[in-house]
Amino acid sequence: MENLFCFYYQAVTNREKTWFVNGVFRNEPNLCIERCIDKKANIFEFFVPKDMESHFLNVAQYLLENGYLLSIEKKENRLIKNDVV
């Protein structure tokens, strides 16, 4: 069942540029679902379809290199870990 889930990433955004990060990811069709999970720490989570991971990482790398993201990390999908389904 685990192979049915998206890849899961967490990133820390530059607070002043969070609006830009949201706009970039929402402008890319079917790239990911993103949302803020910790407003105080500027932590966002991304659910990335397996066939879009390469493109997602290219976009994320650009955002990292230009200071929009401060860090990004691939983690175990929290929906699997927390038995949400």
PDB file of N, CA and C in Angstrom:
ATOM      1  N   MET A   1       0.822  -1.196   0.000  1.00  0.00           N
ATOM      2  CA  MET A   1       0.000   0.000   0.000  1.00  0.00           C
ATOM      3  C   MET A   1       0.869   1.265   0.000  1.00  0.00           C
ATOM      4  N   GLU A   2       2.035   1.197   0.602  1.00  0.00           N
ATOM      5  CA  GLU A   2       2.914   2.354   0.692  1.00  0.00           C
ATOM      6  C   GLU A   2       3.266   2.926  -0.678  1.00  0.00           C
ATOM      7  N   ASN A   3       3.337   2.086  -1.696  1.00  0.00           N
ATOM      8  CA  ASN A   3       3.712   2.567  -3.025  1.00  0.00           C
ATOM      9  C   ASN A   3       2.610   3.390  -3.695  1.00  0.00           C
ATOM     10  N   LEU A   4       1.435   3.462  -3.084  1.00  0.00           N
ATOM     11  CA  LEU A   4       0.349   4.269  -3.633  1.00  0.00           C
ATOM     12  C   LEU A   4       0.421   5.727  -3.190  1.00  0.00           C
ATOM     13  N   PHE A   5       1.272   6.014  -2.232  1.00  0.00           N
ATOM     14  CA  PHE A   5       1.354   7.349  -1.666  1.00  0.00           C
ATOM     15  C   PHE A   5       2.373   8.216  -2.396  1.00  0.00           C
ATOM     16  N   CYS A   6       2.174   9.511  -2.296  1.00  0.00           N
ATOM     17  CA  CYS A   6       3.124  10.479  -2.855  1.00  0.00           C
ATOM     18  C   CYS A   6       4.396  10.516  -2.019  1.00  0.00           C
ATOM     19  N   PHE A   7       5.450  11.060  -2.607  1.00  0.00           N
ATOM     20  CA  PHE A   7       6.646  11.366  -1.836  1.00  0.00           C
ATOM     21  C   PHE A   7       6.318  12.558  -0.950  1.00  0.00           C
ATOM     22  N   TYR A   8       7.024  12.661   0.150  1.00  0.00           N
ATOM     23  CA  TYR A   8       6.737  13.698   1.133  1.00  0.00           C
ATOM     24  C   TYR A   8       7.998  14.504   1.413  1.00  0.00           C
ATOM     25  N   TYR A   9       7.880  15.814   1.327  1.00  0.00           N
ATOM     26  CA  TYR A   9       8.990  16.721   1.596  1.00  0.00           C
ATOM     27  C   TYR A   9       8.540  17.786   2.581  1.00  0.00           C
ATOM     28  N   GLN A  10       9.487  18.268   3.380  1.00  0.00           N
ATOM     29  CA  GLN A  10       9.254  19.442   4.216  1.00  0.00           C
ATOM     30  C   GLN A  10      10.324  20.469   3.890  1.00  0.00           C
ATOM     31  N   ALA A  11       9.914  21.726   3.872  1.00  0.00           N
ATOM     32  CA  ALA A  11      10.844  22.811   3.563  1.00  0.00           C
ATOM     33  C   ALA A  11      10.603  23.979   4.502  1.00  0.00           C
ATOM     34  N   VAL A  12      11.676  24.718   4.744  1.00  0.00           N
ATOM     35  CA  VAL A  12      11.580  25.961   5.496  1.00  0.00           C
ATOM     36  C   VAL A  12      11.682  27.082   4.475  1.00  0.00           C
ATOM     37  N   THR A  13      10.738  28.001   4.539  1.00  0.00           N
ATOM     38  CA  THR A  13      10.707  29.099   3.577  1.00  0.00           C
ATOM     39  C   THR A  13      11.259  30.381   4.198  1.00  0.00           C
ATOM     40  N   ASN A  14      11.677  31.261   3.335  1.00  0.00           N
ATOM     41  CA  ASN A  14      12.033  32.620   3.734  1.00  0.00           C
ATOM     42  C   ASN A  14      10.707  33.343   3.951  1.00  0.00           C
ATOM     43  N   ARG A  15      10.453  33.780   5.176  1.00  0.00           N
ATOM     44  CA  ARG A  15       9.136  34.341   5.534  1.00  0.00           C
ATOM     45  C   ARG A  15       8.669  35.434   4.569  1.00  0.00           C
ATOM     46  N   GLU A  16       9.548  36.322   4.191  1.00  0.00           N
ATOM     47  CA  GLU A  16       9.159  37.427   3.324  1.00  0.00           C
ATOM     48  C   GLU A  16       8.841  36.976   1.902  1.00  0.00           C
ATOM     49  N   LYS A  17       9.281  35.787   1.545  1.00  0.00           N
ATOM     50  CA  LYS A  17       9.093  35.321   0.169  1.00  0.00           C
ATOM     51  C   LYS A  17       8.198  34.092   0.067  1.00  0.00           C
ATOM     52  N   THR A  18       7.498  33.793   1.151  1.00  0.00           N
ATOM     53  CA  THR A  18       6.612  32.623   1.156  1.00  0.00           C
ATOM     54  C   THR A  18       5.543  32.728   0.076  1.00  0.00           C
ATOM     55  N   TRP A  19       5.022  33.913  -0.138  1.00  0.00           N
ATOM     56  CA  TRP A  19       3.994  34.114  -1.165  1.00  0.00           C
ATOM     57  C   TRP A  19       4.514  33.685  -2.536  1.00  0.00           C
ATOM     58  N   PHE A  20       5.798  33.935  -2.799  1.00  0.00           N
ATOM     59  CA  PHE A  20       6.382  33.574  -4.089  1.00  0.00           C
ATOM     60  C   PHE A  20       6.500  32.061  -4.217  1.00  0.00           C
ATOM     61  N   VAL A  21       6.933  31.401  -3.143  1.00  0.00           N
ATOM     62  CA  VAL A  21       7.058  29.938  -3.144  1.00  0.00           C
ATOM     63  C   VAL A  21       5.693  29.310  -3.433  1.00  0.00           C
ATOM     64  N   ASN A  22       4.661  29.766  -2.741  1.00  0.00           N
ATOM     65  CA  ASN A  22       3.306  29.253  -2.992  1.00  0.00           C
ATOM     66  C   ASN A  22       2.898  29.453  -4.440  1.00  0.00           C
ATOM     67  N   GLY A  23       3.139  30.641  -4.961  1.00  0.00           N
ATOM     68  CA  GLY A  23       2.764  30.943  -6.342  1.00  0.00           C
ATOM     69  C   GLY A  23       3.482  30.067  -7.351  1.00  0.00           C
ATOM     70  N   VAL A  24       4.764  29.827  -7.132  1.00  0.00           N
ATOM     71  CA  VAL A  24       5.534  28.991  -8.062  1.00  0.00           C
ATOM     72  C   VAL A  24       4.975  27.573  -8.086  1.00  0.00           C
ATOM     73  N   PHE A  25       4.769  26.979  -6.930  1.00  0.00           N
ATOM     74  CA  PHE A  25       4.286  25.594  -6.901  1.00  0.00           C
ATOM     75  C   PHE A  25       2.848  25.474  -7.390  1.00  0.00           C
ATOM     76  N   ARG A  26       2.037  26.460  -7.126  1.00  0.00           N
ATOM     77  CA  ARG A  26       0.647  26.405  -7.606  1.00  0.00           C
ATOM     78  C   ARG A  26       0.550  26.670  -9.107  1.00  0.00           C
ATOM     79  N   ASN A  27       1.549  27.306  -9.669  1.00  0.00           N
ATOM     80  CA  ASN A  27       1.568  27.584 -11.102  1.00  0.00           C
ATOM     81  C   ASN A  27       1.981  26.360 -11.930  1.00  0.00           C
ATOM     82  N   GLU A  28       2.586  25.384 -11.297  1.00  0.00           N
ATOM     83  CA  GLU A  28       3.040  24.164 -11.984  1.00  0.00           C
ATOM     84  C   GLU A  28       1.953  23.095 -11.866  1.00  0.00           C
ATOM     85  N   PRO A  29       1.248  22.781 -12.954  1.00  0.00           N
ATOM     86  CA  PRO A  29       0.125  21.839 -12.872  1.00  0.00           C
ATOM     87  C   PRO A  29       0.561  20.456 -12.409  1.00  0.00           C
ATOM     88  N   ASN A  30      -0.180  19.919 -11.443  1.00  0.00           N
ATOM     89  CA  ASN A  30      -0.005  18.558 -10.936  1.00  0.00           C
ATOM     90  C   ASN A  30       1.367  18.290 -10.325  1.00  0.00           C
ATOM     91  N   LEU A  31       2.103  19.335  -9.962  1.00  0.00           N
ATOM     92  CA  LEU A  31       3.451  19.153  -9.430  1.00  0.00           C
ATOM     93  C   LEU A  31       3.423  18.674  -7.988  1.00  0.00           C
ATOM     94  N   CYS A  32       2.583  19.286  -7.166  1.00  0.00           N
ATOM     95  CA  CYS A  32       2.539  18.888  -5.763  1.00  0.00           C
ATOM     96  C   CYS A  32       1.327  19.531  -5.094  1.00  0.00           C
ATOM     97  N   ILE A  33       1.087  19.074  -3.896  1.00  0.00           N
ATOM     98  CA  ILE A  33       0.143  19.740  -3.009  1.00  0.00           C
ATOM     99  C   ILE A  33       0.999  20.295  -1.881  1.00  0.00           C
ATOM    100  N   GLU A  34       0.870  21.577  -1.605  1.00  0.00           N
ATOM    101  CA  GLU A  34       1.699  22.188  -0.569  1.00  0.00           C
ATOM    102  C   GLU A  34       0.805  22.874   0.443  1.00  0.00           C
ATOM    103  N   ARG A  35       1.306  22.908   1.675  1.00  0.00           N
ATOM    104  CA  ARG A  35       0.595  23.644   2.721  1.00  0.00           C
ATOM    105  C   ARG A  35       1.542  23.939   3.867  1.00  0.00           C
ATOM    106  N   CYS A  36       1.227  24.958   4.616  1.00  0.00           N
ATOM    107  CA  CYS A  36       2.018  25.342   5.776  1.00  0.00           C
ATOM    108  C   CYS A  36       1.601  24.470   6.954  1.00  0.00           C
ATOM    109  N   ILE A  37       2.583  23.857   7.623  1.00  0.00           N
ATOM    110  CA  ILE A  37       2.246  23.047   8.805  1.00  0.00           C
ATOM    111  C   ILE A  37       2.733  23.685  10.106  1.00  0.00           C
ATOM    112  N   ASP A  38       3.581  24.699   9.996  1.00  0.00           N
ATOM    113  CA  ASP A  38       4.051  25.421  11.185  1.00  0.00           C
ATOM    114  C   ASP A  38       4.318  26.868  10.786  1.00  0.00           C
ATOM    115  N   LYS A  39       3.340  27.719  11.063  1.00  0.00           N
ATOM    116  CA  LYS A  39       3.413  29.116  10.632  1.00  0.00           C
ATOM    117  C   LYS A  39       4.562  29.865  11.303  1.00  0.00           C
ATOM    118  N   LYS A  40       4.807  29.603  12.564  1.00  0.00           N
ATOM    119  CA  LYS A  40       5.869  30.317  13.287  1.00  0.00           C
ATOM    120  C   LYS A  40       7.255  29.964  12.764  1.00  0.00           C
ATOM    121  N   ALA A  41       7.439  28.700  12.387  1.00  0.00           N
ATOM    122  CA  ALA A  41       8.756  28.247  11.908  1.00  0.00           C
ATOM    123  C   ALA A  41       8.843  28.257  10.380  1.00  0.00           C
ATOM    124  N   ASN A  42       7.780  28.681   9.693  1.00  0.00           N
ATOM    125  CA  ASN A  42       7.739  28.727   8.218  1.00  0.00           C
ATOM    126  C   ASN A  42       7.999  27.363   7.585  1.00  0.00           C
ATOM    127  N   ILE A  43       7.435  26.317   8.142  1.00  0.00           N
ATOM    128  CA  ILE A  43       7.627  24.965   7.603  1.00  0.00           C
ATOM    129  C   ILE A  43       6.436  24.605   6.727  1.00  0.00           C
ATOM    130  N   PHE A  44       6.764  24.223   5.508  1.00  0.00           N
ATOM    131  CA  PHE A  44       5.766  23.776   4.553  1.00  0.00           C
ATOM    132  C   PHE A  44       5.953  22.291   4.286  1.00  0.00           C
ATOM    133  N   GLU A  45       4.847  21.628   3.947  1.00  0.00           N
ATOM    134  CA  GLU A  45       4.943  20.232   3.530  1.00  0.00           C
ATOM    135  C   GLU A  45       4.467  20.137   2.089  1.00  0.00           C
ATOM    136  N   PHE A  46       5.050  19.178   1.389  1.00  0.00           N
ATOM    137  CA  PHE A  46       4.736  18.967  -0.028  1.00  0.00           C
ATOM    138  C   PHE A  46       4.470  17.489  -0.260  1.00  0.00           C
ATOM    139  N   PHE A  47       3.354  17.191  -0.893  1.00  0.00           N
ATOM    140  CA  PHE A  47       3.040  15.847  -1.324  1.00  0.00           C
ATOM    141  C   PHE A  47       3.267  15.813  -2.834  1.00  0.00           C
ATOM    142  N   VAL A  48       4.236  15.005  -3.265  1.00  0.00           N
ATOM    143  CA  VAL A  48       4.713  15.030  -4.643  1.00  0.00           C
ATOM    144  C   VAL A  48       4.445  13.674  -5.311  1.00  0.00           C
ATOM    145  N   PRO A  49       3.668  13.645  -6.402  1.00  0.00           N
ATOM    146  CA  PRO A  49       3.478  12.380  -7.127  1.00  0.00           C
ATOM    147  C   PRO A  49       4.823  11.825  -7.602  1.00  0.00           C
ATOM    148  N   LYS A  50       4.925  10.516  -7.596  1.00  0.00           N
ATOM    149  CA  LYS A  50       6.189   9.861  -7.949  1.00  0.00           C
ATOM    150  C   LYS A  50       6.726  10.299  -9.313  1.00  0.00           C
ATOM    151  N   ASP A  51       5.856  10.438 -10.294  1.00  0.00           N
ATOM    152  CA  ASP A  51       6.313  10.800 -11.637  1.00  0.00           C
ATOM    153  C   ASP A  51       6.639  12.292 -11.781  1.00  0.00           C
ATOM    154  N   MET A  52       6.405  13.074 -10.735  1.00  0.00           N
ATOM    155  CA  MET A  52       6.713  14.509 -10.777  1.00  0.00           C
ATOM    156  C   MET A  52       7.896  14.878  -9.875  1.00  0.00           C
ATOM    157  N   GLU A  53       8.494  13.882  -9.227  1.00  0.00           N
ATOM    158  CA  GLU A  53       9.554  14.184  -8.258  1.00  0.00           C
ATOM    159  C   GLU A  53      10.739  14.911  -8.896  1.00  0.00           C
ATOM    160  N   SER A  54      11.175  14.476 -10.057  1.00  0.00           N
ATOM    161  CA  SER A  54      12.323  15.099 -10.706  1.00  0.00           C
ATOM    162  C   SER A  54      12.064  16.579 -10.989  1.00  0.00           C
ATOM    163  N   HIS A  55      10.905  16.881 -11.534  1.00  0.00           N
ATOM    164  CA  HIS A  55      10.554  18.276 -11.832  1.00  0.00           C
ATOM    165  C   HIS A  55      10.424  19.080 -10.529  1.00  0.00           C
ATOM    166  N   PHE A  56       9.806  18.485  -9.530  1.00  0.00           N
ATOM    167  CA  PHE A  56       9.672  19.141  -8.231  1.00  0.00           C
ATOM    168  C   PHE A  56      11.047  19.514  -7.678  1.00  0.00           C
ATOM    169  N   LEU A  57      11.988  18.580  -7.732  1.00  0.00           N
ATOM    170  CA  LEU A  57      13.329  18.834  -7.204  1.00  0.00           C
ATOM    171  C   LEU A  57      14.056  19.924  -7.997  1.00  0.00           C
ATOM    172  N   ASN A  58      13.821  19.987  -9.297  1.00  0.00           N
ATOM    173  CA  ASN A  58      14.411  21.069 -10.105  1.00  0.00           C
ATOM    174  C   ASN A  58      13.887  22.436  -9.663  1.00  0.00           C
ATOM    175  N   VAL A  59      12.588  22.516  -9.459  1.00  0.00           N
ATOM    176  CA  VAL A  59      11.981  23.775  -9.015  1.00  0.00           C
ATOM    177  C   VAL A  59      12.478  24.115  -7.612  1.00  0.00           C
ATOM    178  N   ALA A  60      12.495  23.126  -6.717  1.00  0.00           N
ATOM    179  CA  ALA A  60      12.951  23.352  -5.345  1.00  0.00           C
ATOM    180  C   ALA A  60      14.411  23.800  -5.312  1.00  0.00           C
ATOM    181  N   GLN A  61      15.239  23.217  -6.162  1.00  0.00           N
ATOM    182  CA  GLN A  61      16.655  23.601  -6.213  1.00  0.00           C
ATOM    183  C   GLN A  61      16.801  25.062  -6.639  1.00  0.00           C
ATOM    184  N   TYR A  62      16.028  25.478  -7.610  1.00  0.00           N
ATOM    185  CA  TYR A  62      16.050  26.877  -8.035  1.00  0.00           C
ATOM    186  C   TYR A  62      15.669  27.788  -6.864  1.00  0.00           C
ATOM    187  N   LEU A  63      14.604  27.407  -6.149  1.00  0.00           N
ATOM    188  CA  LEU A  63      14.146  28.226  -5.025  1.00  0.00           C
ATOM    189  C   LEU A  63      15.177  28.264  -3.898  1.00  0.00           C
ATOM    190  N   LEU A  64      15.866  27.161  -3.683  1.00  0.00           N
ATOM    191  CA  LEU A  64      16.953  27.127  -2.688  1.00  0.00           C
ATOM    192  C   LEU A  64      18.103  28.047  -3.085  1.00  0.00           C
ATOM    193  N   GLU A  65      18.533  27.913  -4.320  1.00  0.00           N
ATOM    194  CA  GLU A  65      19.673  28.701  -4.810  1.00  0.00           C
ATOM    195  C   GLU A  65      19.400  30.203  -4.785  1.00  0.00           C
ATOM    196  N   ASN A  66      18.144  30.584  -4.865  1.00  0.00           N
ATOM    197  CA  ASN A  66      17.792  31.999  -4.912  1.00  0.00           C
ATOM    198  C   ASN A  66      17.210  32.530  -3.598  1.00  0.00           C
ATOM    199  N   GLY A  67      17.305  31.743  -2.534  1.00  0.00           N
ATOM    200  CA  GLY A  67      16.927  32.203  -1.205  1.00  0.00           C
ATOM    201  C   GLY A  67      15.455  32.185  -0.868  1.00  0.00           C
ATOM    202  N   TYR A  68      14.640  31.590  -1.702  1.00  0.00           N
ATOM    203  CA  TYR A  68      13.209  31.495  -1.399  1.00  0.00           C
ATOM    204  C   TYR A  68      12.934  30.377  -0.403  1.00  0.00           C
ATOM    205  N   LEU A  69      13.656  29.270  -0.546  1.00  0.00           N
ATOM    206  CA  LEU A  69      13.625  28.183   0.432  1.00  0.00           C
ATOM    207  C   LEU A  69      14.943  28.212   1.185  1.00  0.00           C
ATOM    208  N   LEU A  70      14.877  27.958   2.488  1.00  0.00           N
ATOM    209  CA  LEU A  70      16.090  27.908   3.291  1.00  0.00           C
ATOM    210  C   LEU A  70      16.612  26.480   3.403  1.00  0.00           C
ATOM    211  N   SER A  71      15.703  25.512   3.351  1.00  0.00           N
ATOM    212  CA  SER A  71      16.089  24.099   3.369  1.00  0.00           C
ATOM    213  C   SER A  71      14.922  23.263   2.858  1.00  0.00           C
ATOM    214  N   ILE A  72      15.239  22.056   2.427  1.00  0.00           N
ATOM    215  CA  ILE A  72      14.213  21.103   2.006  1.00  0.00           C
ATOM    216  C   ILE A  72      14.713  19.708   2.339  1.00  0.00           C
ATOM    217  N   GLU A  73      13.801  18.857   2.777  1.00  0.00           N
ATOM    218  CA  GLU A  73      14.180  17.517   3.212  1.00  0.00           C
ATOM    219  C   GLU A  73      13.084  16.521   2.846  1.00  0.00           C
ATOM    220  N   LYS A  74      13.492  15.400   2.277  1.00  0.00           N
ATOM    221  CA  LYS A  74      12.560  14.321   2.000  1.00  0.00           C
ATOM    222  C   LYS A  74      12.386  13.512   3.275  1.00  0.00           C
ATOM    223  N   LYS A  75      11.136  13.219   3.616  1.00  0.00           N
ATOM    224  CA  LYS A  75      10.829  12.479   4.834  1.00  0.00           C
ATOM    225  C   LYS A  75       9.835  11.370   4.524  1.00  0.00           C
ATOM    226  N   GLU A  76       9.628  10.533   5.513  1.00  0.00           N
ATOM    227  CA  GLU A  76       8.600   9.512   5.380  1.00  0.00           C
ATOM    228  C   GLU A  76       7.247  10.214   5.342  1.00  0.00           C
ATOM    229  N   ASN A  77       6.389   9.789   4.429  1.00  0.00           N
ATOM    230  CA  ASN A  77       5.064  10.392   4.297  1.00  0.00           C
ATOM    231  C   ASN A  77       4.323  10.260   5.624  1.00  0.00           C
ATOM    232  N   ARG A  78       3.943  11.376   6.200  1.00  0.00           N
ATOM    233  CA  ARG A  78       3.314  11.365   7.518  1.00  0.00           C
ATOM    234  C   ARG A  78       1.944  10.691   7.511  1.00  0.00           C
ATOM    235  N   LEU A  79       1.313  10.610   6.353  1.00  0.00           N
ATOM    236  CA  LEU A  79       0.025   9.928   6.276  1.00  0.00           C
ATOM    237  C   LEU A  79       0.188   8.421   6.464  1.00  0.00           C
ATOM    238  N   ILE A  80       1.287   7.884   6.017  1.00  0.00           N
ATOM    239  CA  ILE A  80       1.589   6.462   6.227  1.00  0.00           C
ATOM    240  C   ILE A  80       1.973   6.245   7.681  1.00  0.00           C
ATOM    241  N   LYS A  81       2.871   7.098   8.160  1.00  0.00           N
ATOM    242  CA  LYS A  81       3.420   6.975   9.511  1.00  0.00           C
ATOM    243  C   LYS A  81       2.326   7.088  10.578  1.00  0.00           C
ATOM    244  N   ASN A  82       1.362   7.949  10.369  1.00  0.00           N
ATOM    245  CA  ASN A  82       0.313   8.177  11.371  1.00  0.00           C
ATOM    246  C   ASN A  82      -0.944   7.338  11.136  1.00  0.00           C
ATOM    247  N   ASP A  83      -0.869   6.399  10.208  1.00  0.00           N
ATOM    248  CA  ASP A  83      -2.007   5.514   9.923  1.00  0.00           C
ATOM    249  C   ASP A  83      -3.287   6.283   9.629  1.00  0.00           C
ATOM    250  N   VAL A  84      -3.183   7.318   8.803  1.00  0.00           N
ATOM    251  CA  VAL A  84      -4.323   8.159   8.480  1.00  0.00           C
ATOM    252  C   VAL A  84      -5.338   7.411   7.617  1.00  0.00           C
ATOM    253  N   VAL A  85      -4.854   6.524   6.763  1.00  0.00           N
ATOM    254  CA  VAL A  85      -5.779   5.800   5.873  1.00  0.00           C
ATOM    255  C   VAL A  85      -6.157   4.459   6.414  1.00  0.00           C
TER     256      VAL A  85
END
